[in-house]
Amino acid sequence: MKQLNPMLQFEMGPEEAFWQEKMIRSIKECNSMSELKEMATLLTKIATMRQVAIKGLVKDAMDLMSNQVDRDILTRLTNSDPLQ
């Protein structure tokens, strides 16, 4: 499996590799400008939808981490002894 980003450890699985190869071949073999435009339009829609999903997931993850940090700080403040 091909590693996309060594820092984040994302790996392309066999399903993604298959889909990618299928799309590349379809584009290379396409002789119709209208079909090529349709493929480009659909791929643009897919890319946009994925970006929206990624942004939503990142926001949710950041909100969860922020809430956990807030809870940790509150716990430390309420459990600390001010005389120490």
Protein backbone atom coordinates (compact mmCIF):
# COMPACT_ATOMS: atom_id res chain seq x y z
CA MET A 1 0.00 0.00 0.00
CA LYS A 2 1.31 3.41 -0.94
CA GLN A 3 1.94 5.85 1.90
CA LEU A 4 0.57 9.31 1.05
CA ASN A 5 1.94 11.36 3.95
CA PRO A 6 4.69 9.93 6.16
CA MET A 7 3.98 12.43 8.96
CA LEU A 8 0.27 11.63 9.32
CA GLN A 9 0.56 7.95 8.36
CA PHE A 10 -2.28 7.91 5.85
CA GLU A 11 -2.20 4.88 3.60
CA MET A 12 -4.10 4.17 0.42
CA GLY A 13 -5.97 0.89 0.72
CA PRO A 14 -6.60 -1.52 -2.13
CA GLU A 15 -10.08 -0.11 -2.75
CA GLU A 16 -8.75 3.42 -3.16
CA ALA A 17 -5.88 2.24 -5.37
CA PHE A 18 -8.31 0.31 -7.55
CA TRP A 19 -10.68 3.29 -7.88
CA GLN A 20 -7.79 5.62 -8.67
CA GLU A 21 -6.41 3.32 -11.36
CA LYS A 22 -9.88 2.83 -12.84
CA MET A 23 -10.45 6.59 -13.06
CA ILE A 24 -7.01 7.28 -14.55
CA ARG A 25 -7.57 4.63 -17.23
CA SER A 26 -11.06 5.95 -17.98
CA ILE A 27 -9.71 9.46 -18.45
CA LYS A 28 -6.77 8.33 -20.59
CA GLU A 29 -8.99 6.17 -22.81
CA CYS A 30 -11.76 8.74 -23.19
CA ASN A 31 -12.13 10.08 -26.73
CA SER A 32 -15.28 12.10 -26.17
CA MET A 33 -14.94 15.69 -24.99
CA SER A 34 -18.47 15.63 -23.54
CA GLU A 35 -17.74 12.44 -21.55
CA LEU A 36 -14.47 13.91 -20.35
CA LYS A 37 -16.27 17.07 -19.21
CA GLU A 38 -18.86 14.95 -17.39
CA MET A 39 -16.10 12.97 -15.62
CA ALA A 40 -14.34 16.19 -14.64
CA THR A 41 -17.57 17.64 -13.28
CA LEU A 42 -18.32 14.52 -11.23
CA LEU A 43 -14.75 14.35 -9.90
CA THR A 44 -14.96 18.02 -8.91
CA LYS A 45 -18.21 17.33 -7.03
CA ILE A 46 -16.62 14.35 -5.26
CA ALA A 47 -13.55 16.40 -4.29
CA THR A 48 -15.74 19.19 -2.94
CA MET A 49 -17.92 16.81 -0.93
CA ARG A 50 -14.85 15.11 0.53
CA GLN A 51 -13.35 18.46 1.51
CA VAL A 52 -16.57 19.42 3.30
CA ALA A 53 -16.56 16.08 5.14
CA ILE A 54 -12.89 16.47 6.12
CA LYS A 55 -13.46 19.99 7.44
CA GLY A 56 -16.44 18.78 9.46
CA LEU A 57 -14.48 15.88 10.93
CA VAL A 58 -11.56 18.15 11.82
CA LYS A 59 -13.89 20.66 13.47
CA ASP A 60 -15.59 17.91 15.49
CA ALA A 61 -12.21 16.51 16.57
CA MET A 62 -10.96 19.96 17.58
CA ASP A 63 -14.17 20.64 19.53
CA LEU A 64 -13.82 17.32 21.37
CA MET A 65 -10.17 18.01 22.22
CA SER A 66 -10.98 21.55 23.34
CA ASN A 67 -13.80 20.29 25.58
CA GLN A 68 -11.47 17.69 27.10
CA VAL A 69 -8.80 20.31 27.81
CA ASP A 70 -11.43 22.56 29.42
CA ARG A 71 -12.60 19.66 31.61
CA ASP A 72 -9.02 18.82 32.58
CA ILE A 73 -8.29 22.42 33.56
CA LEU A 74 -11.50 22.67 35.55
CA THR A 75 -10.74 19.39 37.33
CA ARG A 76 -7.25 20.58 38.25
CA LEU A 77 -8.54 23.90 39.49
CA THR A 78 -11.24 22.36 41.66
CA ASN A 79 -8.92 19.68 43.04
CA SER A 80 -5.94 21.93 43.78
CA ASP A 81 -5.05 23.04 47.28
CA PRO A 82 -4.58 26.84 47.27
CA LEU A 83 -2.34 26.67 50.36
CA GLN A 84 0.33 24.58 48.64
